[in-house]
Amino acid sequence: MSLSAHLAELNEKHRFLERRIAEEVGRPGSDDLEIRRMKQEKLKLKEEIARLQAPIETRH
């Protein structure tokens, strides 16, 4: 898998989690533990995306 394809996949997962978190927060009786888990996973994805993009951005 190319770097750009991998980044696209990570970004899609990040957007998916963002939508899921918004849905869960808006739901009555939402599961705070599940929201926290999803937010942690979303942050890990964001950090991975930034780590992979850093070498690309320094070349431009």
Protein backbone atom coordinates (compact mmCIF):
# COMPACT_ATOMS: atom_id res chain seq x y z
CA MET A 1 0.00 0.00 0.00
CA SER A 2 1.37 3.40 -0.95
CA LEU A 3 1.84 6.11 1.65
CA SER A 4 -0.90 8.25 0.12
CA ALA A 5 -3.34 5.32 0.16
CA HIS A 6 -2.44 4.57 3.77
CA LEU A 7 -2.96 8.22 4.74
CA ALA A 8 -6.31 8.24 2.95
CA GLU A 9 -7.37 5.14 4.87
CA LEU A 10 -6.29 6.66 8.20
CA ASN A 11 -8.15 9.89 7.39
CA GLU A 12 -11.30 7.93 6.54
CA LYS A 13 -11.09 6.03 9.85
CA HIS A 14 -10.61 9.37 11.64
CA ARG A 15 -13.72 10.87 9.96
CA PHE A 16 -15.72 7.72 10.74
CA LEU A 17 -14.80 7.94 14.43
CA GLU A 18 -15.66 11.63 14.45
CA ARG A 19 -19.16 10.81 13.18
CA ARG A 20 -19.58 7.91 15.61
CA ILE A 21 -18.53 10.08 18.56
CA ALA A 22 -21.01 12.81 17.56
CA GLU A 23 -23.77 10.21 17.25
CA GLU A 24 -22.96 8.66 20.62
CA VAL A 25 -22.73 12.04 22.40
CA GLY A 26 -26.12 13.04 20.97
CA ARG A 27 -27.78 9.82 22.04
CA PRO A 28 -29.70 9.77 25.35
CA GLY A 29 -27.97 7.49 27.82
CA SER A 30 -24.72 7.58 25.88
CA ASP A 31 -21.88 5.35 27.04
CA ASP A 32 -19.17 7.64 28.46
CA LEU A 33 -16.63 4.82 28.50
CA GLU A 34 -17.23 4.05 24.81
CA ILE A 35 -16.99 7.75 23.93
CA ARG A 36 -13.68 7.97 25.78
CA ARG A 37 -12.35 4.89 23.99
CA MET A 38 -13.34 6.27 20.60
CA LYS A 39 -11.77 9.66 21.39
CA GLN A 40 -8.51 7.95 22.38
CA GLU A 41 -8.51 5.93 19.17
CA LYS A 42 -9.27 9.09 17.16
CA LEU A 43 -6.33 10.87 18.82
CA LYS A 44 -4.00 7.97 18.01
CA LEU A 45 -5.10 8.15 14.37
CA LYS A 46 -4.52 11.91 14.31
CA GLU A 47 -1.01 11.46 15.73
CA GLU A 48 -0.22 8.71 13.22
CA ILE A 49 -1.47 10.88 10.35
CA ALA A 50 0.68 13.81 11.54
CA ARG A 51 3.72 11.55 11.94
CA LEU A 52 3.36 10.18 8.42
CA GLN A 53 2.67 13.59 6.87
CA ALA A 54 5.61 15.36 8.55
CA PRO A 55 8.30 13.99 6.18
CA ILE A 56 6.10 14.77 3.17
CA GLU A 57 5.51 18.37 4.24
CA THR A 58 9.19 19.06 4.92
CA ARG A 59 10.04 18.08 1.34
CA HIS A 60 7.68 20.68 -0.18
